[in-house]
Protein backbone atom coordinates (compact mmCIF):
# COMPACT_ATOMS: atom_id res chain seq x y z
CA MET A 1 0.00 0.00 0.00
CA ALA A 2 2.97 2.31 0.52
CA PRO A 3 3.65 2.64 -3.24
CA LEU A 4 0.06 3.78 -3.72
CA PHE A 5 0.43 6.66 -1.24
CA SER A 6 3.80 7.69 -2.64
CA ARG A 7 2.41 7.73 -6.16
CA LEU A 8 -0.65 9.73 -5.17
CA PHE A 9 1.34 12.30 -3.25
CA SER A 10 4.02 12.60 -5.91
CA ASN A 11 1.37 13.35 -8.53
CA ALA A 12 -0.43 15.92 -6.42
CA PHE A 13 2.54 17.78 -4.96
CA SER A 14 4.86 17.90 -7.95
CA LEU A 15 3.60 21.41 -8.77
CA ASN A 16 5.77 24.53 -8.63
CA LYS A 17 5.43 26.06 -5.17
CA SER A 18 6.06 29.57 -6.52
CA ASP A 19 2.82 29.53 -8.44
CA SER A 20 0.02 30.73 -6.13
CA LEU A 21 -2.72 29.24 -8.28
CA LYS A 22 -1.11 25.83 -8.20
CA ASN A 23 -0.64 26.14 -4.46
CA ALA A 24 -4.36 26.82 -4.15
CA CYS A 25 -5.05 23.67 -6.12
CA GLN A 26 -2.83 21.75 -3.73
CA LEU A 27 -4.81 23.03 -0.76
CA LYS A 28 -8.06 22.17 -2.50
CA ASN A 29 -6.90 18.57 -2.85
CA ILE A 30 -6.08 18.12 0.85
CA PRO A 31 -9.59 16.71 1.62
CA PHE A 32 -8.92 13.94 -0.91
CA PHE A 33 -5.84 12.76 0.97
CA LEU A 34 -7.60 13.13 4.31
CA GLY A 35 -10.44 10.99 2.97
CA LEU A 36 -7.95 8.43 1.70
CA LEU A 37 -6.28 8.36 5.10
CA VAL A 38 -9.57 7.93 6.96
CA CYS A 39 -10.46 4.99 4.71
CA THR A 40 -7.40 3.13 5.98
CA THR A 41 -8.99 2.98 9.45
CA ALA A 42 -11.53 0.47 10.71
CA TYR A 43 -14.17 3.18 11.23
CA ILE A 44 -15.14 3.49 7.57
CA THR A 45 -17.21 0.85 5.77
CA SER A 46 -17.22 0.24 2.02
CA PRO A 47 -20.53 2.07 1.32
CA THR A 48 -19.38 5.04 3.41
CA ALA A 49 -16.08 5.16 1.52
CA LEU A 50 -17.96 5.27 -1.78
CA VAL A 51 -20.11 8.19 -0.59
CA ILE A 52 -17.07 10.11 0.65
CA GLY A 53 -15.36 9.67 -2.71
CA PHE A 54 -18.44 10.77 -4.67
CA PHE A 55 -18.90 13.77 -2.37
CA LEU A 56 -15.30 14.90 -2.93
CA THR A 57 -15.41 14.53 -6.72
CA THR A 58 -18.72 16.42 -6.84
CA LEU A 59 -17.05 19.33 -5.00
CA GLY A 60 -14.04 19.18 -7.31
CA MET A 61 -11.64 18.11 -4.58
CA VAL A 62 -10.13 15.13 -6.38
CA PRO A 63 -6.64 15.79 -7.87
CA GLN A 64 -6.44 15.77 -11.66
CA GLY A 65 -3.83 13.72 -13.45
CA ILE A 66 -3.93 10.74 -11.09
CA PRO A 67 -4.87 7.53 -12.95
CA LEU A 68 -7.52 6.49 -10.43
CA ALA A 69 -9.03 3.82 -12.67
CA LYS A 70 -5.69 2.05 -13.17
CA ILE A 71 -4.75 2.31 -9.49
CA THR A 72 -8.17 1.01 -8.41
CA LYS A 73 -8.00 -1.90 -10.85
CA LYS A 74 -4.60 -2.98 -9.54
CA LEU A 75 -5.56 -2.50 -5.88
CA LEU A 76 -8.73 -4.51 -6.38
CA ALA A 77 -6.79 -7.36 -7.97
CA TYR A 78 -4.24 -7.37 -5.12
CA SER A 79 -6.96 -7.28 -2.48
CA ILE A 80 -8.84 -10.18 -4.07
CA ILE A 81 -5.64 -12.22 -4.09
CA GLY A 82 -5.13 -11.32 -0.42
CA LEU A 83 -8.63 -12.54 0.43
CA GLY A 84 -7.63 -15.94 -0.91
CA PHE A 85 -5.27 -16.40 2.04
CA GLY A 86 -8.26 -16.25 4.39
CA ILE A 87 -10.39 -18.88 2.67
CA PRO A 88 -9.85 -22.59 3.45
CA LEU A 89 -9.68 -24.82 0.37
CA GLN A 90 -12.50 -27.10 1.51
CA THR A 91 -14.75 -24.07 2.07
CA ALA A 92 -13.98 -22.77 -1.42
CA LEU A 93 -14.80 -26.14 -3.00
CA THR A 94 -18.02 -26.51 -1.04
CA VAL A 95 -19.25 -23.00 -1.82
CA THR A 96 -18.41 -23.22 -5.52
CA THR A 97 -20.06 -26.64 -5.93
CA HIS A 98 -23.17 -25.50 -4.08
CA GLY A 99 -23.66 -22.35 -6.14
CA LEU A 100 -22.41 -23.46 -9.56
CA GLY A 101 -25.84 -24.41 -10.90
CA LEU A 102 -27.33 -21.08 -9.88
CA ILE A 103 -24.40 -19.20 -11.46
CA VAL A 104 -24.78 -20.97 -14.82
CA ALA A 105 -28.57 -20.64 -14.87
CA SER A 106 -28.60 -16.94 -13.97
CA LEU A 107 -25.78 -16.15 -16.42
CA PHE A 108 -27.35 -17.62 -19.54
CA THR A 109 -30.88 -16.50 -18.61
CA THR A 110 -29.68 -12.90 -18.23
CA LEU A 111 -27.76 -12.97 -21.52
CA LEU A 112 -30.67 -14.42 -23.49
CA ILE A 113 -33.27 -12.07 -22.05
CA GLY A 114 -30.96 -9.10 -22.48
CA TRP A 115 -30.25 -10.06 -26.10
CA PHE A 116 -33.94 -10.03 -27.10
CA VAL A 117 -35.32 -7.30 -24.82
CA SER A 118 -32.67 -4.70 -25.71
CA VAL A 119 -33.90 -4.64 -29.31
CA ARG A 120 -37.54 -4.41 -28.23
CA VAL A 121 -36.91 -1.32 -26.07
CA GLY A 122 -35.00 0.46 -28.82
CA LEU A 123 -31.45 0.11 -27.54
CA VAL A 124 -28.48 -0.25 -29.84
CA ARG A 125 -27.83 -3.97 -29.85
CA LYS A 126 -24.21 -3.71 -28.74
CA THR A 127 -25.08 -1.36 -25.87
CA GLY A 128 -27.80 -3.73 -24.67
CA TYR A 129 -25.51 -6.73 -25.01
CA LEU A 130 -22.76 -5.06 -23.00
CA ILE A 131 -25.20 -4.16 -20.20
CA ALA A 132 -26.56 -7.72 -20.21
CA SER A 133 -23.03 -9.15 -20.12
CA GLY A 134 -22.05 -6.88 -17.24
CA THR A 135 -25.18 -7.93 -15.35
CA ALA A 136 -24.68 -11.62 -16.07
CA ILE A 137 -20.97 -11.92 -15.30
CA CYS A 138 -19.05 -9.25 -13.44
CA GLY A 139 -19.96 -5.71 -14.38
CA GLY A 140 -17.22 -3.44 -15.66
CA SER A 141 -14.67 -6.22 -16.06
CA ALA A 142 -16.97 -8.17 -18.38
CA ILE A 143 -17.83 -5.04 -20.35
CA ALA A 144 -14.15 -4.14 -20.72
CA ALA A 145 -13.36 -7.67 -21.95
CA ILE A 146 -16.30 -8.06 -24.32
CA ALA A 147 -16.38 -4.53 -25.82
CA PRO A 148 -13.32 -5.05 -28.07
CA ALA A 149 -14.52 -8.55 -28.96
CA ILE A 150 -17.74 -7.14 -30.46
CA ASN A 151 -16.05 -3.96 -31.76
CA ALA A 152 -18.18 -1.67 -29.59
CA ASP A 153 -17.39 2.05 -29.83
CA ASP A 154 -16.56 4.34 -26.89
CA ASP A 155 -20.12 5.68 -26.56
CA GLN A 156 -21.64 2.20 -26.37
CA THR A 157 -19.04 1.07 -23.86
CA GLY A 158 -19.42 4.26 -21.81
CA LEU A 159 -23.20 3.92 -21.59
CA ALA A 160 -22.91 0.31 -20.45
CA LEU A 161 -20.25 1.14 -17.86
CA GLY A 162 -22.22 4.12 -16.58
CA THR A 163 -25.39 2.06 -16.16
CA VAL A 164 -23.64 -0.77 -14.36
CA PHE A 165 -21.74 1.65 -12.13
CA VAL A 166 -24.94 3.34 -10.94
CA LEU A 167 -26.51 -0.03 -10.08
CA ASN A 168 -23.34 -1.17 -8.30
CA SER A 169 -23.45 1.94 -6.12
CA LEU A 170 -27.07 1.27 -5.17
CA ALA A 171 -26.36 -2.39 -4.42
CA LEU A 172 -23.77 -1.48 -1.79
CA PHE A 173 -26.50 0.09 0.32
CA ILE A 174 -29.64 -1.83 -0.64
CA PHE A 175 -28.45 -5.42 -0.41
CA PRO A 176 -27.23 -5.46 3.23
CA VAL A 177 -30.49 -3.78 4.32
CA ILE A 178 -32.61 -6.38 2.51
CA GLY A 179 -30.45 -9.17 3.89
CA HIS A 180 -30.99 -8.04 7.47
CA LEU A 181 -34.72 -7.47 6.92
CA LEU A 182 -35.06 -11.05 5.65
CA SER A 183 -32.75 -12.41 8.38
CA MET A 184 -30.59 -14.10 5.75
CA SER A 185 -27.73 -16.24 6.94
CA GLN A 186 -24.16 -15.23 6.16
CA GLU A 187 -23.82 -17.97 3.55
CA ALA A 188 -27.17 -17.16 1.91
CA PHE A 189 -26.41 -13.46 1.68
CA GLY A 190 -22.94 -14.12 0.29
CA THR A 191 -24.43 -16.35 -2.39
CA TRP A 192 -27.07 -13.77 -3.29
CA ALA A 193 -24.55 -10.93 -3.46
CA ALA A 194 -22.25 -12.97 -5.72
CA ILE A 195 -25.11 -13.77 -8.11
CA ALA A 196 -27.02 -10.49 -8.20
CA ILE A 197 -24.42 -7.70 -7.86
CA HIS A 198 -22.36 -6.77 -10.90
CA ASP A 199 -18.78 -5.72 -10.10
CA THR A 200 -16.44 -7.65 -7.84
CA SER A 201 -15.71 -4.50 -5.83
CA SER A 202 -19.39 -3.97 -5.01
CA VAL A 203 -19.91 -7.67 -4.25
CA VAL A 204 -17.12 -7.73 -1.69
CA GLY A 205 -18.12 -4.29 -0.41
CA ALA A 206 -21.71 -5.34 0.32
CA ALA A 207 -20.64 -8.74 1.66
CA SER A 208 -17.98 -7.28 3.97
CA ALA A 209 -20.61 -4.94 5.40
CA TYR A 210 -22.78 -8.01 6.17
CA GLY A 211 -20.14 -10.23 7.78
CA GLU A 212 -16.87 -12.10 7.31
CA THR A 213 -18.49 -15.41 6.38
CA ALA A 214 -20.64 -13.63 3.82
CA LEU A 215 -17.49 -12.01 2.43
CA LYS A 216 -15.71 -15.35 2.00
CA THR A 217 -18.75 -16.96 0.37
CA ALA A 218 -19.40 -14.01 -1.93
CA THR A 219 -15.78 -13.65 -3.01
CA THR A 220 -15.41 -17.33 -3.88
CA LEU A 221 -18.65 -17.53 -5.85
CA LYS A 222 -18.12 -14.18 -7.52
CA LEU A 223 -14.73 -15.21 -8.86
CA ALA A 224 -16.17 -18.51 -10.07
CA ARG A 225 -18.78 -16.42 -11.89
CA ALA A 226 -16.10 -14.09 -13.27
CA LEU A 227 -14.29 -17.00 -14.92
CA TRP A 228 -17.15 -17.10 -17.41
CA ILE A 229 -15.68 -13.96 -18.99
CA ILE A 230 -13.44 -16.19 -21.06
CA PRO A 231 -16.05 -18.43 -22.81
CA VAL A 232 -18.61 -15.61 -23.11
CA THR A 233 -16.01 -13.37 -24.78
CA PHE A 234 -15.29 -16.09 -27.33
CA LEU A 235 -19.04 -16.56 -27.87
CA SER A 236 -19.54 -12.81 -28.28
CA THR A 237 -16.83 -12.65 -30.94
CA PHE A 238 -18.72 -15.30 -32.91
CA LEU A 239 -22.15 -13.66 -32.43
CA PHE A 240 -21.05 -10.23 -33.63
CA ARG A 241 -18.54 -11.43 -36.23
CA SER A 242 -16.11 -8.79 -34.99
CA GLU A 243 -12.78 -8.31 -36.70
CA SER A 244 -11.21 -7.65 -33.30
CA ARG A 245 -10.00 -10.70 -31.40
CA LYS A 246 -8.54 -9.04 -28.34
CA ILE A 247 -9.54 -10.78 -25.10
CA THR A 248 -8.86 -9.46 -21.62
CA ILE A 249 -8.40 -12.30 -19.12
CA PRO A 250 -8.61 -11.46 -15.38
CA TYR A 251 -5.42 -13.27 -14.36
CA PHE A 252 -5.81 -12.29 -10.70
CA ILE A 253 -8.48 -14.99 -10.43
CA PHE A 254 -5.83 -17.65 -10.92
CA PHE A 255 -3.57 -16.04 -8.30
CA TYR A 256 -6.56 -15.97 -5.94
CA CYS A 257 -6.97 -19.73 -6.41
CA ALA A 258 -3.23 -20.18 -5.84
CA ALA A 259 -3.49 -18.25 -2.55
CA ILE A 260 -6.23 -20.61 -1.35
CA ILE A 261 -4.09 -23.63 -2.21
CA PHE A 262 -1.05 -22.06 -0.56
CA HIS A 263 -3.08 -21.52 2.62
CA ASP A 264 -4.17 -25.15 2.56
CA GLN A 265 -0.72 -26.65 1.93
CA LEU A 266 1.21 -24.49 4.44
CA PRO A 267 -1.12 -24.03 7.43
CA GLN A 268 1.78 -23.24 9.79
CA PHE A 269 1.75 -19.62 8.60
CA SER A 270 -1.85 -19.00 9.68
CA ALA A 271 -0.94 -15.84 11.61
CA LEU A 272 0.58 -14.33 8.47
CA TYR A 273 -2.46 -15.33 6.41
CA HIS A 274 -4.76 -13.65 8.92
CA GLY A 275 -2.76 -10.42 8.60
CA ILE A 276 -2.87 -10.51 4.81
CA PHE A 277 -6.62 -11.16 4.87
CA ALA A 278 -7.24 -8.21 7.21
CA LEU A 279 -5.10 -5.92 5.02
CA ALA A 280 -6.97 -7.08 1.91
CA LYS A 281 -10.34 -6.24 3.47
CA GLN A 282 -9.17 -2.73 4.34
CA THR A 283 -7.76 -2.28 0.85
CA LEU A 284 -11.23 -3.01 -0.51
CA VAL A 285 -12.54 -0.02 1.43
CA ILE A 286 -9.89 2.15 -0.22
CA CYS A 287 -10.92 0.76 -3.62
CA LEU A 288 -14.50 1.85 -3.01
CA PHE A 289 -13.29 5.31 -2.01
CA LEU A 290 -11.31 5.63 -5.26
CA ILE A 291 -14.26 4.34 -7.28
CA GLY A 292 -16.42 7.03 -5.68
CA CYS A 293 -13.81 9.59 -6.69
CA SER A 294 -14.17 8.43 -10.30
CA LEU A 295 -17.96 8.79 -10.32
CA SER A 296 -19.19 12.16 -11.58
CA LEU A 297 -22.59 13.66 -12.29
CA GLY A 298 -21.60 13.70 -15.94
CA LYS A 299 -21.23 9.92 -15.96
CA LEU A 300 -24.61 9.56 -14.28
CA ARG A 301 -26.22 11.73 -16.95
CA GLN A 302 -24.40 9.82 -19.67
CA ALA A 303 -26.14 6.62 -18.63
CA GLY A 304 -29.45 8.16 -19.75
CA PRO A 305 -32.94 6.87 -18.93
CA ARG A 306 -33.34 4.08 -21.48
CA PRO A 307 -30.11 2.13 -20.83
CA LEU A 308 -30.58 2.66 -17.10
CA LEU A 309 -34.15 1.35 -17.17
CA PHE A 310 -33.02 -1.64 -19.21
CA GLY A 311 -30.20 -2.31 -16.73
CA VAL A 312 -32.54 -1.93 -13.77
CA GLY A 313 -35.02 -4.37 -15.32
CA LEU A 314 -32.35 -7.03 -15.82
CA TRP A 315 -30.94 -6.38 -12.35
CA VAL A 316 -34.34 -6.72 -10.67
CA LEU A 317 -34.98 -9.92 -12.61
CA ILE A 318 -31.74 -11.61 -11.56
CA SER A 319 -31.94 -10.25 -8.00
CA VAL A 320 -35.50 -11.34 -7.30
CA SER A 321 -35.23 -14.73 -9.01
CA SER A 322 -31.94 -15.64 -7.33
CA LEU A 323 -33.16 -14.39 -3.95
CA SER A 324 -36.34 -16.46 -4.26
CA TRP A 325 -34.35 -19.58 -5.10
CA ILE A 326 -31.90 -19.04 -2.25
CA MET A 327 -34.66 -18.42 0.32
CA LEU A 328 -36.50 -21.57 -0.79
CA THR A 329 -33.43 -23.80 -0.68
CA GLN A 330 -31.47 -22.51 2.34
């Protein structure tokens, strides 16, 4: 985490001190670094970190020139790998086997419904397909992987990302509330979060707010769901006959699996694993803060009513159907 802070500070304070205007900009950015610092403590939850980040970017207090998206992507990958050290191998196998059928069913149902409904509601087919893919698999990561495979342009990709991002933000707050109202168990909530929430960051954010067991369950199932990026990307290339063949594979998933195996084969380092797991959970809070800093009112407006309504419809469908199945079978 130290390289992150050094990079952030070096970007923000590399300005010429003799320039009064630049000095003012430095002072304006102080709340950003204070918010980042607060998010390293145990007093801030993932949803709260997201709100703080959004509040700061709305007020224009986020430093320009810092590649927040790249930093967040790397931090999220590292934190997911770190979570693997806190998950026993037998637990991972049990959770994945138990939820595999629901993952496959929800994935293909969402893709098929999204494929046909998007045309009926007047959406550009590629925009609708990207939103459906993000809903079915893992939000922004799936959209980023599939967009070049179907030769989607920047506007289509931006609309899909904006829609999914709005729904991810809502899920952070809504899902834990619903879970407590329904008195869902940790395992049941973790399963539901992994199936019905788009991005990995929001899944682990909502699950960590619900409990540690929910976090372990959600992370394991979510990454099993994310692996479907690879076959769906190949399928998408065939469906759209795209000339582009670029495929983005989330390699951190394999390192996450390796961490679980490492934990199982060398149990004598359990104290170290516990420390890595705790650090990974706190890093997730920082990720949500940085994601909030990347969310602007312009991006919310860019999502527009039609793509957002389409995304909400798919989201409600997968959320309600998966929740009903989980409540009936738990």
